[in-house]
């Protein structure tokens, strides 16, 4: 199919009154519907798509009630989380005290070296709060914070376990290093964790305790690396990416946790505007200028791609299209926010050919900034 599937396997399962299944791709959803409704033939998936979409859009009463209840559950959960949240000054104080008990482990320093950072830049990042998680110390850290007079209720990343003890949300599954997210005033608003072992292709997750006793969500805030001087700020995708760009250039960057994270980005720009902000430079990844030609190079699934047919030449890769459209949608949202706030917004590109499209080597602004260092390291090796 050449269209985006606007529903999930959970929607299809509820529509068919079958037990909900976990996960599932678009093909699995439509296979489920086609098999249980008796659709056959070459076009059965297309027919399944339109039947499901029509039923969900026109939706019988049961589906409308299901979706309404799902929205209500999310809203109720958000209200509970919000009622627990503490002020930013308290968050900052707790997090700074927690960081004093942690250090940046050698394997994580090695990861930063691999990216091309110098020893001085790594030391600066450690000083600013880049520290390794400590799975075995989750209880000890919480106890020390409590003994020093800190209240942990409502602090994202802390919760009360089944034994009634407060604990930091450090587990073997989220082991990695902390990437501090700083508000416009420099206070620590939360952390992302750069995972040692990516989970389902996710390299970063939040240090959060959403849904746990006494815990709450981090709310995915955008972070400021460096201090804005003058009237210009740069926006890129990722907390770590923004910090690396700042460390290497001395220029302030906003790290947006994801291009679809609009709320945190809007709040950050609102806070910076009274400080003199006039111009925003959009530095999202060069996927926004990705060439769409099918070259059989997207991932391992290219070999079995039904769209590829018999030849690559002249054919557009649907996965590349989806990826580029996703980034561009985030770019457009940034431009809309800037228009609303009466800020100038300009697109920044790099590693581009004569046609303005990405050459495919340096994707992120951090990759581009560090390219000379990385090349020298490769030559020395």
Protein backbone atom coordinates (compact mmCIF):
# COMPACT_ATOMS: atom_id res chain seq x y z
CA UNK A 1 0.00 0.00 0.00
CA UNK A 2 1.16 3.51 -0.71
CA UNK A 3 -0.58 5.18 2.19
CA UNK A 4 -0.02 5.59 5.89
CA UNK A 5 -2.08 3.28 8.09
CA UNK A 6 -3.97 5.50 10.59
CA UNK A 7 -4.97 2.73 12.99
CA UNK A 8 -3.29 0.13 15.17
CA UNK A 9 -3.63 -3.62 15.61
CA UNK A 10 -5.42 -2.86 18.91
CA UNK A 11 -8.08 -0.93 16.96
CA UNK A 12 -8.56 -3.86 14.59
CA UNK A 13 -8.72 -6.36 17.44
CA UNK A 14 -11.38 -4.29 19.22
CA UNK A 15 -13.31 -3.85 15.99
CA UNK A 16 -13.44 -7.64 15.55
CA UNK A 17 -14.11 -8.32 19.25
CA UNK A 18 -11.03 -10.51 19.60
CA UNK A 19 -8.44 -10.59 22.35
CA UNK A 20 -6.03 -7.66 22.00
CA UNK A 21 -2.66 -8.49 20.58
CA UNK A 22 0.58 -6.74 21.46
CA UNK A 23 2.57 -4.90 18.78
CA UNK A 24 2.13 -5.73 15.10
CA UNK A 25 2.84 -4.06 11.80
CA UNK A 26 0.34 -2.84 9.21
CA UNK A 27 0.54 -6.12 7.29
CA UNK A 28 -0.31 -8.13 10.43
CA UNK A 29 -3.30 -5.90 11.15
CA UNK A 30 -4.75 -6.30 7.69
CA UNK A 31 -3.99 -10.03 7.60
CA UNK A 32 -5.90 -10.41 10.86
CA UNK A 33 -8.91 -8.53 9.50
CA UNK A 34 -8.88 -10.26 6.11
CA UNK A 35 -8.70 -13.76 7.60
CA UNK A 36 -11.43 -13.19 10.17
CA UNK A 37 -13.81 -11.50 7.73
CA UNK A 38 -13.23 -13.90 4.82
CA UNK A 39 -11.54 -11.56 2.36
CA UNK A 40 -9.56 -13.27 -0.41
CA UNK A 41 -7.78 -12.36 -3.62
CA UNK A 42 -4.86 -10.17 -4.66
CA UNK A 43 -6.53 -6.98 -3.43
CA UNK A 44 -7.70 -8.34 -0.09
CA UNK A 45 -5.31 -6.15 1.95
CA UNK A 46 -6.42 -3.02 0.12
CA UNK A 47 -10.06 -3.97 0.66
CA UNK A 48 -9.33 -4.72 4.34
CA UNK A 49 -7.70 -1.31 4.74
CA UNK A 50 -10.70 0.61 3.40
CA UNK A 51 -13.21 -1.48 5.35
CA UNK A 52 -11.36 -0.96 8.62
CA UNK A 53 -10.87 2.76 7.96
CA UNK A 54 -14.54 3.27 7.08
CA UNK A 55 -15.74 1.41 10.16
CA UNK A 56 -13.40 3.30 12.45
CA UNK A 57 -14.19 6.66 10.84
CA UNK A 58 -17.97 6.18 10.73
CA UNK A 59 -17.42 3.89 13.72
CA UNK A 60 -20.21 2.02 15.39
CA UNK A 61 -21.22 3.08 18.88
CA UNK A 62 -18.98 0.51 20.56
CA UNK A 63 -15.84 1.78 18.82
CA UNK A 64 -16.66 5.40 19.56
CA UNK A 65 -17.12 4.53 23.22
CA UNK A 66 -13.86 2.56 23.21
CA UNK A 67 -11.89 5.49 21.79
CA UNK A 68 -13.56 7.93 24.14
CA UNK A 69 -12.66 5.78 27.15
CA UNK A 70 -9.09 5.45 25.91
CA UNK A 71 -8.77 9.25 25.69
CA UNK A 72 -10.31 9.62 29.15
CA UNK A 73 -7.80 7.14 30.62
CA UNK A 74 -4.89 9.07 29.13
CA UNK A 75 -6.29 12.39 30.37
CA UNK A 76 -6.88 10.98 33.84
CA UNK A 77 -3.33 9.62 33.97
CA UNK A 78 -1.94 13.00 32.89
CA UNK A 79 -3.93 14.76 35.61
CA UNK A 80 -2.58 12.35 38.23
CA UNK A 81 0.98 12.89 37.00
CA UNK A 82 0.53 16.66 36.96
CA UNK A 83 -0.84 16.71 40.50
CA UNK A 84 2.31 14.97 41.75
CA UNK A 85 4.86 17.13 39.95
CA UNK A 86 7.05 19.40 42.06
CA UNK A 87 8.51 22.80 41.20
CA UNK A 88 11.58 23.18 39.00
CA UNK A 89 13.80 24.42 41.82
CA UNK A 90 13.15 21.24 43.81
CA UNK A 91 13.71 19.03 40.75
CA UNK A 92 17.02 20.76 40.10
CA UNK A 93 18.15 20.36 43.71
CA UNK A 94 17.27 16.64 43.84
CA UNK A 95 18.91 15.91 40.51
CA UNK A 96 22.11 17.79 41.33
CA UNK A 97 22.42 15.90 44.60
CA UNK A 98 21.82 12.60 42.78
CA UNK A 99 24.54 13.46 40.25
CA UNK A 100 27.02 13.98 43.08
CA UNK A 101 26.70 10.24 43.79
CA UNK A 102 27.40 9.18 40.20
CA UNK A 103 30.32 9.30 37.78
CA UNK A 104 30.82 8.82 34.05
CA UNK A 105 32.14 5.31 33.51
CA UNK A 106 35.03 4.58 31.20
CA UNK A 107 32.91 2.73 28.64
CA UNK A 108 30.70 5.78 28.31
CA UNK A 109 33.68 8.08 27.98
CA UNK A 110 34.85 5.75 25.21
CA UNK A 111 31.51 6.17 23.46
CA UNK A 112 31.96 9.95 23.50
CA UNK A 113 35.53 9.59 22.22
CA UNK A 114 34.23 7.43 19.39
CA UNK A 115 31.96 10.29 18.41
CA UNK A 116 35.03 12.53 18.12
CA UNK A 117 34.95 14.48 21.38
CA UNK A 118 38.19 15.54 23.06
CA UNK A 119 39.13 14.67 26.65
CA UNK A 120 38.45 18.28 27.65
CA UNK A 121 35.00 18.23 26.08
CA UNK A 122 34.17 14.93 27.75
CA UNK A 123 35.29 16.29 31.12
CA UNK A 124 33.11 19.36 30.56
CA UNK A 125 30.12 17.15 29.78
CA UNK A 126 30.70 15.08 32.91
CA UNK A 127 30.88 18.29 34.92
CA UNK A 128 27.57 19.43 33.44
CA UNK A 129 25.81 16.21 34.51
CA UNK A 130 26.60 13.46 32.02
CA UNK A 131 26.95 10.50 34.39
CA UNK A 132 26.44 6.73 34.19
CA UNK A 133 23.42 5.03 35.73
CA UNK A 134 24.03 2.73 38.70
CA UNK A 135 21.64 -0.21 38.71
CA UNK A 136 22.97 -1.68 41.97
CA UNK A 137 22.68 1.66 43.79
CA UNK A 138 19.04 2.52 43.07
CA UNK A 139 17.97 2.04 46.69
CA UNK A 140 21.09 3.58 48.22
CA UNK A 141 20.75 6.74 46.13
CA UNK A 142 17.15 7.23 47.20
CA UNK A 143 17.99 6.61 50.86
CA UNK A 144 20.81 9.16 50.80
CA UNK A 145 18.57 11.76 49.21
CA UNK A 146 15.91 11.16 51.85
CA UNK A 147 18.50 11.35 54.64
CA UNK A 148 19.59 14.73 53.29
CA UNK A 149 16.07 16.08 53.55
CA UNK A 150 14.84 15.75 49.98
CA UNK A 151 11.25 14.75 49.22
CA UNK A 152 11.14 12.32 46.29
CA UNK A 153 7.39 12.21 45.72
CA UNK A 154 6.60 13.65 42.32
CA UNK A 155 10.22 13.68 41.12
CA UNK A 156 10.41 11.89 37.73
CA UNK A 157 12.65 8.86 38.03
CA UNK A 158 11.88 8.09 41.69
CA UNK A 159 9.13 5.88 43.06
CA UNK A 160 8.08 3.79 46.03
CA UNK A 161 8.57 0.07 45.42
CA UNK A 162 6.41 -2.82 46.65
CA UNK A 163 8.37 -2.98 49.90
CA UNK A 164 7.52 0.63 50.67
CA UNK A 165 11.06 1.86 50.00
CA UNK A 166 11.92 4.75 47.72
CA UNK A 167 14.03 3.83 44.73
CA UNK A 168 15.65 5.41 41.66
CA UNK A 169 14.43 3.96 38.35
CA UNK A 170 17.78 2.43 37.37
CA UNK A 171 17.47 -1.09 35.96
CA UNK A 172 19.61 -3.45 33.85
CA UNK A 173 17.21 -2.78 30.96
CA UNK A 174 17.82 1.01 30.99
CA UNK A 175 21.53 0.91 31.80
CA UNK A 176 23.49 3.67 30.08
CA UNK A 177 24.46 7.27 30.75
CA UNK A 178 22.34 10.22 31.78
CA UNK A 179 21.91 13.18 29.43
CA UNK A 180 20.65 16.15 31.50
CA UNK A 181 17.86 18.29 30.07
CA UNK A 182 18.21 21.90 31.17
CA UNK A 183 15.50 24.53 31.17
CA UNK A 184 16.06 28.06 29.82
CA UNK A 185 17.28 29.18 33.26
CA UNK A 186 19.86 26.38 33.45
CA UNK A 187 17.98 24.23 35.98
CA UNK A 188 17.89 20.48 35.35
CA UNK A 189 14.36 19.56 34.28
CA UNK A 190 14.95 15.86 33.63
CA UNK A 191 17.19 13.28 31.98
CA UNK A 192 17.31 11.12 28.94
CA UNK A 193 19.29 7.89 29.18
CA UNK A 194 21.55 6.88 26.29
CA UNK A 195 21.06 3.13 26.43
CA UNK A 196 23.97 0.69 26.33
CA UNK A 197 21.65 -1.80 24.64
CA UNK A 198 19.02 -0.18 22.41
CA UNK A 199 15.50 -1.50 22.97
CA UNK A 200 13.41 -2.05 19.82
CA UNK A 201 15.71 0.34 17.92
CA UNK A 202 15.30 2.99 20.63
CA UNK A 203 18.65 4.40 21.74
CA UNK A 204 17.22 6.88 24.25
CA UNK A 205 14.56 6.63 26.92
CA UNK A 206 13.49 8.99 29.70
CA UNK A 207 14.48 8.71 33.35
CA UNK A 208 10.89 8.48 34.47
CA UNK A 209 8.62 6.83 37.02
CA UNK A 210 5.28 7.34 35.30
CA UNK A 211 2.57 5.00 36.56
CA UNK A 212 4.55 3.95 39.64
CA UNK A 213 3.70 4.71 43.27
CA UNK A 214 4.72 8.29 44.07
CA UNK A 215 6.30 8.68 40.63
CA UNK A 216 5.48 10.77 37.60
CA UNK A 217 6.36 11.41 33.96
CA UNK A 218 9.22 13.62 32.80
CA UNK A 219 6.87 15.23 30.22
CA UNK A 220 9.61 15.08 27.53
CA UNK A 221 10.94 18.65 27.90
CA UNK A 222 13.22 20.30 25.35
CA UNK A 223 16.67 21.20 26.70
CA UNK A 224 19.06 24.12 26.32
CA UNK A 225 22.77 23.42 25.92
CA UNK A 226 24.90 26.50 26.55
CA UNK A 227 23.66 29.99 27.15
CA UNK A 228 22.06 32.10 24.46
CA UNK A 229 24.02 35.23 23.68
CA UNK A 230 22.73 37.70 21.14
CA UNK A 231 19.47 36.98 19.35
CA UNK A 232 20.05 33.60 17.66
CA UNK A 233 19.38 30.03 18.81
CA UNK A 234 19.84 26.74 16.98
CA UNK A 235 17.40 23.83 17.22
CA UNK A 236 18.39 20.23 16.60
CA UNK A 237 16.91 16.81 17.27
CA UNK A 238 18.22 15.18 20.43
CA UNK A 239 19.52 16.24 23.84
CA UNK A 240 22.96 14.64 23.39
CA UNK A 241 23.30 16.00 19.84
CA UNK A 242 22.66 19.54 21.08
CA UNK A 243 25.21 19.18 23.88
CA UNK A 244 27.90 17.88 21.53
CA UNK A 245 27.28 20.74 19.11
CA UNK A 246 27.53 23.24 21.97
CA UNK A 247 30.69 21.69 23.42
CA UNK A 248 32.43 21.82 20.03
CA UNK A 249 31.34 25.31 18.95
CA UNK A 250 30.43 27.26 22.09
CA UNK A 251 27.11 28.14 20.41
CA UNK A 252 23.85 27.52 22.26
CA UNK A 253 21.55 24.79 20.95
CA UNK A 254 18.05 23.66 21.86
CA UNK A 255 17.86 19.88 21.94
CA UNK A 256 14.35 18.76 20.98
CA UNK A 257 13.84 15.14 22.16
CA UNK A 258 12.02 14.42 18.90
CA UNK A 259 10.83 16.41 15.92
CA UNK A 260 7.24 15.63 16.92
CA UNK A 261 7.79 17.06 20.43
CA UNK A 262 6.01 20.40 19.98
CA UNK A 263 4.98 21.30 23.52
CA UNK A 264 8.42 21.35 25.07
CA UNK A 265 9.92 23.20 22.12
CA UNK A 266 7.18 25.83 22.18
CA UNK A 267 7.70 26.40 25.90
CA UNK A 268 11.46 26.80 25.48
CA UNK A 269 11.12 29.35 22.67
CA UNK A 270 8.53 31.28 24.71
CA UNK A 271 10.98 31.49 27.61
CA UNK A 272 13.88 32.60 25.41
CA UNK A 273 12.01 35.29 23.49
CA UNK A 274 11.94 37.78 26.41
CA UNK A 275 15.71 37.24 26.67
CA UNK A 276 16.17 38.71 23.19
CA UNK A 277 15.59 35.76 20.88
CA UNK A 278 14.79 36.86 17.31
CA UNK A 279 16.10 34.16 14.97
CA UNK A 280 15.84 30.35 15.10
CA UNK A 281 18.13 28.23 12.94
CA UNK A 282 16.55 24.85 12.17
CA UNK A 283 19.32 22.23 12.34
CA UNK A 284 17.30 19.01 12.20
CA UNK A 285 18.92 15.93 10.66
CA UNK A 286 19.60 15.86 6.92
CA UNK A 287 16.97 13.14 6.54
CA UNK A 288 14.84 16.18 5.68
CA UNK A 289 16.77 16.29 2.36
CA UNK A 290 16.94 12.52 1.85
CA UNK A 291 16.99 11.32 -1.76
CA UNK A 292 14.14 8.89 -2.36
CA UNK A 293 15.62 6.69 -5.08
CA UNK A 294 15.35 2.98 -4.34
CA UNK A 295 18.87 1.60 -4.13
CA UNK A 296 18.16 -1.44 -1.98
CA UNK A 297 20.08 0.27 0.82
CA UNK A 298 17.45 1.22 3.40
CA UNK A 299 17.72 -1.83 5.67
CA UNK A 300 17.76 -5.62 5.62
CA UNK A 301 14.10 -5.75 4.60
CA UNK A 302 14.94 -4.28 1.18
CA UNK A 303 15.58 -7.78 -0.17
CA UNK A 304 11.95 -8.73 0.40
CA UNK A 305 10.37 -5.37 -0.40
CA UNK A 306 7.23 -5.83 -2.52
CA UNK A 307 7.66 -2.30 -3.89
CA UNK A 308 11.12 -2.92 -5.34
CA UNK A 309 9.81 -5.10 -8.17
CA UNK A 310 12.57 -6.10 -10.61
CA UNK A 311 14.78 -3.01 -10.67
CA UNK A 312 15.92 -0.16 -8.47
CA UNK A 313 16.27 2.48 -11.19
CA UNK A 314 13.60 5.16 -11.23
CA UNK A 315 11.65 3.70 -8.34
CA UNK A 316 10.87 5.69 -5.19
CA UNK A 317 11.45 3.94 -1.84
CA UNK A 318 8.30 4.24 0.31
CA UNK A 319 10.30 3.86 3.52
CA UNK A 320 12.59 6.73 2.60
CA UNK A 321 9.54 8.81 1.69
CA UNK A 322 7.95 8.08 5.07
CA UNK A 323 11.17 8.94 6.90
CA UNK A 324 11.69 12.21 5.02
CA UNK A 325 8.07 13.26 5.42
CA UNK A 326 8.29 12.65 9.16
CA UNK A 327 11.31 14.94 9.56
CA UNK A 328 9.81 17.59 7.29
CA UNK A 329 6.60 17.55 9.27
CA UNK A 330 8.65 18.39 12.39
CA UNK A 331 10.45 21.16 10.49
CA UNK A 332 7.15 22.67 9.37
CA UNK A 333 5.85 22.60 12.93
CA UNK A 334 8.92 24.53 14.09
CA UNK A 335 8.31 27.13 11.38
CA UNK A 336 4.68 27.43 12.47
CA UNK A 337 5.69 27.97 16.09
CA UNK A 338 8.17 30.64 15.04
CA UNK A 339 5.51 32.43 12.98
CA UNK A 340 3.16 32.36 15.94
CA UNK A 341 5.87 33.85 18.19
CA UNK A 342 6.96 36.35 15.52
CA UNK A 343 10.43 34.82 15.26
CA UNK A 344 12.48 34.38 12.10
CA UNK A 345 13.26 30.77 11.20
CA UNK A 346 15.88 29.63 8.70
CA UNK A 347 16.78 26.15 7.52
CA UNK A 348 20.39 24.99 7.87
CA UNK A 349 21.75 22.24 5.60
CA UNK A 350 25.13 20.51 5.21
CA UNK A 351 26.69 17.64 3.29
CA UNK A 352 24.43 18.46 0.35
CA UNK A 353 24.93 18.02 -3.39
CA UNK A 354 24.37 20.54 -6.15
CA UNK A 355 20.67 19.69 -6.10
CA UNK A 356 20.45 20.55 -2.41
CA UNK A 357 19.76 16.96 -1.42
CA UNK A 358 21.72 15.06 1.24
CA UNK A 359 24.87 13.23 0.08
CA UNK A 360 24.24 10.58 2.73
CA UNK A 361 27.37 10.79 4.89
CA UNK A 362 26.91 13.30 7.73
CA UNK A 363 23.33 13.15 8.98
CA UNK A 364 23.29 15.17 12.21
CA UNK A 365 24.71 18.62 12.89
CA UNK A 366 27.02 16.98 15.42
CA UNK A 367 28.31 14.58 12.74
CA UNK A 368 29.06 17.54 10.48
CA UNK A 369 30.80 19.54 13.20
CA UNK A 370 32.94 16.55 14.25
CA UNK A 371 33.71 15.27 10.75
CA UNK A 372 37.35 16.45 10.68
CA UNK A 373 38.08 14.97 14.10
CA UNK A 374 36.52 11.62 13.23
CA UNK A 375 38.39 11.46 9.91
CA UNK A 376 41.68 12.12 11.67
CA UNK A 377 40.91 9.40 14.21
CA UNK A 378 40.16 6.93 11.41
CA UNK A 379 43.41 7.79 9.63
CA UNK A 380 45.40 7.35 12.84
CA UNK A 381 43.84 3.94 13.42
